[in-house]
Amino acid sequence: MRRALILAGLLLLVAGVAWPWLTRGNWWRWIGHLPGDIHIEREGFSFHFPLVTCLLASALFTMVAWLLRR
């Protein structure tokens, strides 16, 4: 568990340092706008739930956790 927390902290640190370079292009703008994400707009009301994005992120994090356990 200690090793996983240290690795997660290091990854967050690297992502934080690299953030200015990561956000320069438009390559990440599809996150939250995948087919299957729920977006409802009505007069005076807007609702957005990125269902498919959440499922994809969950699968990715599960795979990483499974690989770290091995």
PDB file of N, CA and C in Angstrom:
ATOM      1  N   MET A   1       0.821  -1.187   0.000  1.00  0.00           N
ATOM      2  CA  MET A   1       0.000   0.000   0.000  1.00  0.00           C
ATOM      3  C   MET A   1       0.870   1.258   0.000  1.00  0.00           C
ATOM      4  N   ARG A   2       1.945   1.218   0.776  1.00  0.00           N
ATOM      5  CA  ARG A   2       2.838   2.367   0.826  1.00  0.00           C
ATOM      6  C   ARG A   2       3.427   2.681  -0.544  1.00  0.00           C
ATOM      7  N   ARG A   3       3.825   1.624  -1.239  1.00  0.00           N
ATOM      8  CA  ARG A   3       4.435   1.788  -2.551  1.00  0.00           C
ATOM      9  C   ARG A   3       3.449   2.421  -3.544  1.00  0.00           C
ATOM     10  N   ALA A   4       2.184   1.991  -3.479  1.00  0.00           N
ATOM     11  CA  ALA A   4       1.169   2.529  -4.384  1.00  0.00           C
ATOM     12  C   ALA A   4       0.913   4.012  -4.103  1.00  0.00           C
ATOM     13  N   LEU A   5       0.887   4.403  -2.841  1.00  0.00           N
ATOM     14  CA  LEU A   5       0.673   5.810  -2.506  1.00  0.00           C
ATOM     15  C   LEU A   5       1.847   6.676  -2.942  1.00  0.00           C
ATOM     16  N   ILE A   6       3.055   6.164  -2.779  1.00  0.00           N
ATOM     17  CA  ILE A   6       4.236   6.912  -3.222  1.00  0.00           C
ATOM     18  C   ILE A   6       4.223   7.059  -4.734  1.00  0.00           C
ATOM     19  N   LEU A   7       3.880   5.990  -5.446  1.00  0.00           N
ATOM     20  CA  LEU A   7       3.808   6.045  -6.905  1.00  0.00           C
ATOM     21  C   LEU A   7       2.723   7.016  -7.362  1.00  0.00           C
ATOM     22  N   ALA A   8       1.570   6.983  -6.713  1.00  0.00           N
ATOM     23  CA  ALA A   8       0.490   7.914  -7.074  1.00  0.00           C
ATOM     24  C   ALA A   8       0.927   9.357  -6.831  1.00  0.00           C
ATOM     25  N   GLY A   9       1.610   9.609  -5.732  1.00  0.00           N
ATOM     26  CA  GLY A   9       2.104  10.953  -5.450  1.00  0.00           C
ATOM     27  C   GLY A   9       3.111  11.422  -6.484  1.00  0.00           C
ATOM     28  N   LEU A  10       3.999  10.536  -6.880  1.00  0.00           N
ATOM     29  CA  LEU A  10       4.984  10.900  -7.905  1.00  0.00           C
ATOM     30  C   LEU A  10       4.320  11.183  -9.250  1.00  0.00           C
ATOM     31  N   LEU A  11       3.320  10.372  -9.593  1.00  0.00           N
ATOM     32  CA  LEU A  11       2.606  10.605 -10.848  1.00  0.00           C
ATOM     33  C   LEU A  11       1.866  11.937 -10.826  1.00  0.00           C
ATOM     34  N   LEU A  12       1.259  12.279  -9.695  1.00  0.00           N
ATOM     35  CA  LEU A  12       0.586  13.570  -9.576  1.00  0.00           C
ATOM     36  C   LEU A  12       1.583  14.725  -9.660  1.00  0.00           C
ATOM     37  N   LEU A  13       2.739  14.542  -9.072  1.00  0.00           N
ATOM     38  CA  LEU A  13       3.778  15.568  -9.138  1.00  0.00           C
ATOM     39  C   LEU A  13       4.243  15.780 -10.573  1.00  0.00           C
ATOM     40  N   VAL A  14       4.485  14.698 -11.285  1.00  0.00           N
ATOM     41  CA  VAL A  14       4.912  14.799 -12.689  1.00  0.00           C
ATOM     42  C   VAL A  14       3.814  15.443 -13.534  1.00  0.00           C
ATOM     43  N   ALA A  15       2.567  15.060 -13.303  1.00  0.00           N
ATOM     44  CA  ALA A  15       1.461  15.651 -14.062  1.00  0.00           C
ATOM     45  C   ALA A  15       1.331  17.140 -13.759  1.00  0.00           C
ATOM     46  N   GLY A  16       1.526  17.526 -12.503  1.00  0.00           N
ATOM     47  CA  GLY A  16       1.457  18.937 -12.139  1.00  0.00           C
ATOM     48  C   GLY A  16       2.556  19.762 -12.778  1.00  0.00           C
ATOM     49  N   VAL A  17       3.750  19.208 -12.829  1.00  0.00           N
ATOM     50  CA  VAL A  17       4.866  19.921 -13.455  1.00  0.00           C
ATOM     51  C   VAL A  17       4.669  20.002 -14.963  1.00  0.00           C
ATOM     52  N   ALA A  18       4.131  18.945 -15.555  1.00  0.00           N
ATOM     53  CA  ALA A  18       3.958  18.902 -17.010  1.00  0.00           C
ATOM     54  C   ALA A  18       2.659  19.559 -17.471  1.00  0.00           C
ATOM     55  N   TRP A  19       1.815  20.039 -16.545  1.00  0.00           N
ATOM     56  CA  TRP A  19       0.503  20.585 -16.906  1.00  0.00           C
ATOM     57  C   TRP A  19       0.559  21.682 -17.964  1.00  0.00           C
ATOM     58  N   PRO A  20       1.474  22.648 -17.896  1.00  0.00           N
ATOM     59  CA  PRO A  20       1.497  23.686 -18.952  1.00  0.00           C
ATOM     60  C   PRO A  20       1.715  23.108 -20.348  1.00  0.00           C
ATOM     61  N   TRP A  21       2.492  22.076 -20.467  1.00  0.00           N
ATOM     62  CA  TRP A  21       2.741  21.460 -21.772  1.00  0.00           C
ATOM     63  C   TRP A  21       1.600  20.540 -22.181  1.00  0.00           C
ATOM     64  N   LEU A  22       0.946  19.916 -21.218  1.00  0.00           N
ATOM     65  CA  LEU A  22      -0.155  19.010 -21.528  1.00  0.00           C
ATOM     66  C   LEU A  22      -1.391  19.742 -22.033  1.00  0.00           C
ATOM     67  N   THR A  23      -1.595  20.967 -21.595  1.00  0.00           N
ATOM     68  CA  THR A  23      -2.813  21.694 -21.957  1.00  0.00           C
ATOM     69  C   THR A  23      -2.642  22.605 -23.166  1.00  0.00           C
ATOM     70  N   ARG A  24      -1.522  22.557 -23.824  1.00  0.00           N
ATOM     71  CA  ARG A  24      -1.297  23.434 -24.980  1.00  0.00           C
ATOM     72  C   ARG A  24      -2.139  23.057 -26.185  1.00  0.00           C
ATOM     73  N   GLY A  25      -2.242  21.794 -26.491  1.00  0.00           N
ATOM     74  CA  GLY A  25      -2.974  21.355 -27.678  1.00  0.00           C
ATOM     75  C   GLY A  25      -4.430  21.064 -27.369  1.00  0.00           C
ATOM     76  N   ASN A  26      -5.136  20.597 -28.365  1.00  0.00           N
ATOM     77  CA  ASN A  26      -6.547  20.245 -28.212  1.00  0.00           C
ATOM     78  C   ASN A  26      -6.755  18.746 -28.099  1.00  0.00           C
ATOM     79  N   TRP A  27      -5.711  17.995 -27.849  1.00  0.00           N
ATOM     80  CA  TRP A  27      -5.811  16.531 -27.837  1.00  0.00           C
ATOM     81  C   TRP A  27      -6.644  16.008 -26.672  1.00  0.00           C
ATOM     82  N   TRP A  28      -6.800  16.746 -25.598  1.00  0.00           N
ATOM     83  CA  TRP A  28      -7.503  16.270 -24.412  1.00  0.00           C
ATOM     84  C   TRP A  28      -8.934  16.775 -24.322  1.00  0.00           C
ATOM     85  N   ARG A  29      -9.397  17.524 -25.269  1.00  0.00           N
ATOM     86  CA  ARG A  29     -10.735  18.120 -25.199  1.00  0.00           C
ATOM     87  C   ARG A  29     -11.862  17.110 -25.381  1.00  0.00           C
ATOM     88  N   TRP A  30     -11.577  15.909 -25.848  1.00  0.00           N
ATOM     89  CA  TRP A  30     -12.609  14.885 -26.026  1.00  0.00           C
ATOM     90  C   TRP A  30     -13.042  14.274 -24.699  1.00  0.00           C
ATOM     91  N   ILE A  31     -12.244  14.471 -23.645  1.00  0.00           N
ATOM     92  CA  ILE A  31     -12.583  13.900 -22.345  1.00  0.00           C
ATOM     93  C   ILE A  31     -13.858  14.576 -21.828  1.00  0.00           C
ATOM     94  N   GLY A  32     -14.852  13.783 -21.516  1.00  0.00           N
ATOM     95  CA  GLY A  32     -16.133  14.309 -21.069  1.00  0.00           C
ATOM     96  C   GLY A  32     -17.120  14.541 -22.184  1.00  0.00           C
ATOM     97  N   HIS A  33     -16.706  14.285 -23.421  1.00  0.00           N
ATOM     98  CA  HIS A  33     -17.578  14.493 -24.575  1.00  0.00           C
ATOM     99  C   HIS A  33     -17.613  13.252 -25.463  1.00  0.00           C
ATOM    100  N   LEU A  34     -17.505  12.086 -24.850  1.00  0.00           N
ATOM    101  CA  LEU A  34     -17.549  10.847 -25.609  1.00  0.00           C
ATOM    102  C   LEU A  34     -18.986  10.476 -25.957  1.00  0.00           C
ATOM    103  N   PRO A  35     -19.182   9.670 -26.998  1.00  0.00           N
ATOM    104  CA  PRO A  35     -20.531   9.179 -27.271  1.00  0.00           C
ATOM    105  C   PRO A  35     -21.006   8.344 -26.082  1.00  0.00           C
ATOM    106  N   GLY A  36     -22.180   8.624 -25.599  1.00  0.00           N
ATOM    107  CA  GLY A  36     -22.708   7.938 -24.431  1.00  0.00           C
ATOM    108  C   GLY A  36     -22.698   8.799 -23.184  1.00  0.00           C
ATOM    109  N   ASP A  37     -21.983   9.917 -23.222  1.00  0.00           N
ATOM    110  CA  ASP A  37     -22.035  10.864 -22.119  1.00  0.00           C
ATOM    111  C   ASP A  37     -23.378  11.591 -22.191  1.00  0.00           C
ATOM    112  N   ILE A  38     -23.995  11.790 -21.053  1.00  0.00           N
ATOM    113  CA  ILE A  38     -25.338  12.367 -21.004  1.00  0.00           C
ATOM    114  C   ILE A  38     -25.232  13.883 -20.871  1.00  0.00           C
ATOM    115  N   HIS A  39     -25.884  14.579 -21.785  1.00  0.00           N
ATOM    116  CA  HIS A  39     -25.908  16.040 -21.737  1.00  0.00           C
ATOM    117  C   HIS A  39     -27.309  16.499 -22.112  1.00  0.00           C
ATOM    118  N   ILE A  40     -27.976  17.161 -21.175  1.00  0.00           N
ATOM    119  CA  ILE A  40     -29.333  17.646 -21.388  1.00  0.00           C
ATOM    120  C   ILE A  40     -29.340  19.150 -21.186  1.00  0.00           C
ATOM    121  N   GLU A  41     -29.861  19.863 -22.180  1.00  0.00           N
ATOM    122  CA  GLU A  41     -30.005  21.317 -22.074  1.00  0.00           C
ATOM    123  C   GLU A  41     -31.453  21.680 -22.316  1.00  0.00           C
ATOM    124  N   ARG A  42     -32.004  22.404 -21.373  1.00  0.00           N
ATOM    125  CA  ARG A  42     -33.355  22.943 -21.505  1.00  0.00           C
ATOM    126  C   ARG A  42     -33.292  24.406 -21.108  1.00  0.00           C
ATOM    127  N   GLU A  43     -34.349  25.110 -21.302  1.00  0.00           N
ATOM    128  CA  GLU A  43     -34.370  26.521 -20.953  1.00  0.00           C
ATOM    129  C   GLU A  43     -34.206  26.691 -19.436  1.00  0.00           C
ATOM    130  N   GLY A  44     -33.141  27.343 -19.049  1.00  0.00           N
ATOM    131  CA  GLY A  44     -32.867  27.584 -17.638  1.00  0.00           C
ATOM    132  C   GLY A  44     -32.291  26.384 -16.903  1.00  0.00           C
ATOM    133  N   PHE A  45     -31.901  25.332 -17.631  1.00  0.00           N
ATOM    134  CA  PHE A  45     -31.411  24.107 -16.980  1.00  0.00           C
ATOM    135  C   PHE A  45     -30.395  23.426 -17.881  1.00  0.00           C
ATOM    136  N   SER A  46     -29.321  22.977 -17.292  1.00  0.00           N
ATOM    137  CA  SER A  46     -28.309  22.227 -18.017  1.00  0.00           C
ATOM    138  C   SER A  46     -27.790  21.118 -17.123  1.00  0.00           C
ATOM    139  N   PHE A  47     -27.685  19.903 -17.658  1.00  0.00           N
ATOM    140  CA  PHE A  47     -27.210  18.752 -16.895  1.00  0.00           C
ATOM    141  C   PHE A  47     -26.214  17.990 -17.755  1.00  0.00           C
ATOM    142  N   HIS A  48     -25.055  17.681 -17.182  1.00  0.00           N
ATOM    143  CA  HIS A  48     -24.025  16.935 -17.895  1.00  0.00           C
ATOM    144  C   HIS A  48     -23.470  15.858 -16.980  1.00  0.00           C
ATOM    145  N   PHE A  49     -23.547  14.606 -17.423  1.00  0.00           N
ATOM    146  CA  PHE A  49     -22.965  13.497 -16.674  1.00  0.00           C
ATOM    147  C   PHE A  49     -22.133  12.664 -17.642  1.00  0.00           C
ATOM    148  N   PRO A  50     -20.799  12.674 -17.492  1.00  0.00           N
ATOM    149  CA  PRO A  50     -19.929  11.939 -18.414  1.00  0.00           C
ATOM    150  C   PRO A  50     -19.876  10.439 -18.078  1.00  0.00           C
ATOM    151  N   LEU A  51     -20.933   9.718 -18.390  1.00  0.00           N
ATOM    152  CA  LEU A  51     -21.068   8.309 -18.030  1.00  0.00           C
ATOM    153  C   LEU A  51     -19.977   7.448 -18.660  1.00  0.00           C
ATOM    154  N   VAL A  52     -19.802   7.520 -19.955  1.00  0.00           N
ATOM    155  CA  VAL A  52     -18.810   6.692 -20.647  1.00  0.00           C
ATOM    156  C   VAL A  52     -17.394   7.092 -20.244  1.00  0.00           C
ATOM    157  N   THR A  53     -17.164   8.377 -20.040  1.00  0.00           N
ATOM    158  CA  THR A  53     -15.849   8.835 -19.595  1.00  0.00           C
ATOM    159  C   THR A  53     -15.520   8.259 -18.217  1.00  0.00           C
ATOM    160  N   CYS A  54     -16.517   8.228 -17.320  1.00  0.00           N
ATOM    161  CA  CYS A  54     -16.310   7.646 -15.984  1.00  0.00           C
ATOM    162  C   CYS A  54     -16.020   6.148 -16.082  1.00  0.00           C
ATOM    163  N   LEU A  55     -16.743   5.445 -16.940  1.00  0.00           N
ATOM    164  CA  LEU A  55     -16.508   4.008 -17.115  1.00  0.00           C
ATOM    165  C   LEU A  55     -15.117   3.747 -17.682  1.00  0.00           C
ATOM    166  N   LEU A  56     -14.698   4.548 -18.634  1.00  0.00           N
ATOM    167  CA  LEU A  56     -13.370   4.397 -19.221  1.00  0.00           C
ATOM    168  C   LEU A  56     -12.278   4.684 -18.197  1.00  0.00           C
ATOM    169  N   ALA A  57     -12.440   5.742 -17.401  1.00  0.00           N
ATOM    170  CA  ALA A  57     -11.463   6.070 -16.369  1.00  0.00           C
ATOM    171  C   ALA A  57     -11.412   4.975 -15.311  1.00  0.00           C
ATOM    172  N   SER A  58     -12.558   4.427 -14.944  1.00  0.00           N
ATOM    173  CA  SER A  58     -12.602   3.352 -13.957  1.00  0.00           C
ATOM    174  C   SER A  58     -11.882   2.113 -14.468  1.00  0.00           C
ATOM    175  N   ALA A  59     -12.101   1.761 -15.719  1.00  0.00           N
ATOM    176  CA  ALA A  59     -11.423   0.598 -16.297  1.00  0.00           C
ATOM    177  C   ALA A  59      -9.908   0.821 -16.340  1.00  0.00           C
ATOM    178  N   LEU A  60      -9.498   2.027 -16.694  1.00  0.00           N
ATOM    179  CA  LEU A  60      -8.067   2.340 -16.751  1.00  0.00           C
ATOM    180  C   LEU A  60      -7.434   2.257 -15.364  1.00  0.00           C
ATOM    181  N   PHE A  61      -8.076   2.862 -14.364  1.00  0.00           N
ATOM    182  CA  PHE A  61      -7.538   2.814 -13.004  1.00  0.00           C
ATOM    183  C   PHE A  61      -7.534   1.390 -12.449  1.00  0.00           C
ATOM    184  N   THR A  62      -8.537   0.588 -12.787  1.00  0.00           N
ATOM    185  CA  THR A  62      -8.577  -0.807 -12.352  1.00  0.00           C
ATOM    186  C   THR A  62      -7.424  -1.597 -12.953  1.00  0.00           C
ATOM    187  N   MET A  63      -7.144  -1.370 -14.233  1.00  0.00           N
ATOM    188  CA  MET A  63      -6.032  -2.067 -14.873  1.00  0.00           C
ATOM    189  C   MET A  63      -4.692  -1.671 -14.254  1.00  0.00           C
ATOM    190  N   VAL A  64      -4.518  -0.391 -13.969  1.00  0.00           N
ATOM    191  CA  VAL A  64      -3.273   0.070 -13.353  1.00  0.00           C
ATOM    192  C   VAL A  64      -3.115  -0.537 -11.961  1.00  0.00           C
ATOM    193  N   ALA A  65      -4.198  -0.557 -11.171  1.00  0.00           N
ATOM    194  CA  ALA A  65      -4.141  -1.144  -9.839  1.00  0.00           C
ATOM    195  C   ALA A  65      -3.849  -2.635  -9.919  1.00  0.00           C
ATOM    196  N   TRP A  66      -4.435  -3.314 -10.889  1.00  0.00           N
ATOM    197  CA  TRP A  66      -4.185  -4.754 -11.052  1.00  0.00           C
ATOM    198  C   TRP A  66      -2.721  -5.000 -11.414  1.00  0.00           C
ATOM    199  N   LEU A  67      -2.160  -4.161 -12.293  1.00  0.00           N
ATOM    200  CA  LEU A  67      -0.755  -4.313 -12.670  1.00  0.00           C
ATOM    201  C   LEU A  67       0.172  -4.015 -11.500  1.00  0.00           C
ATOM    202  N   LEU A  68      -0.187  -3.056 -10.658  1.00  0.00           N
ATOM    203  CA  LEU A  68       0.649  -2.741  -9.503  1.00  0.00           C
ATOM    204  C   LEU A  68       0.634  -3.851  -8.455  1.00  0.00           C
ATOM    205  N   ARG A  69      -0.445  -4.616  -8.381  1.00  0.00           N
ATOM    206  CA  ARG A  69      -0.533  -5.707  -7.417  1.00  0.00           C
ATOM    207  C   ARG A  69       0.321  -6.899  -7.820  1.00  0.00           C
ATOM    208  N   ARG A  70       0.543  -7.073  -9.101  1.00  0.00           N
ATOM    209  CA  ARG A  70       1.294  -8.242  -9.574  1.00  0.00           C
ATOM    210  C   ARG A  70       2.737  -8.122  -9.253  1.00  0.00           C
TER     211      ARG A  70
END
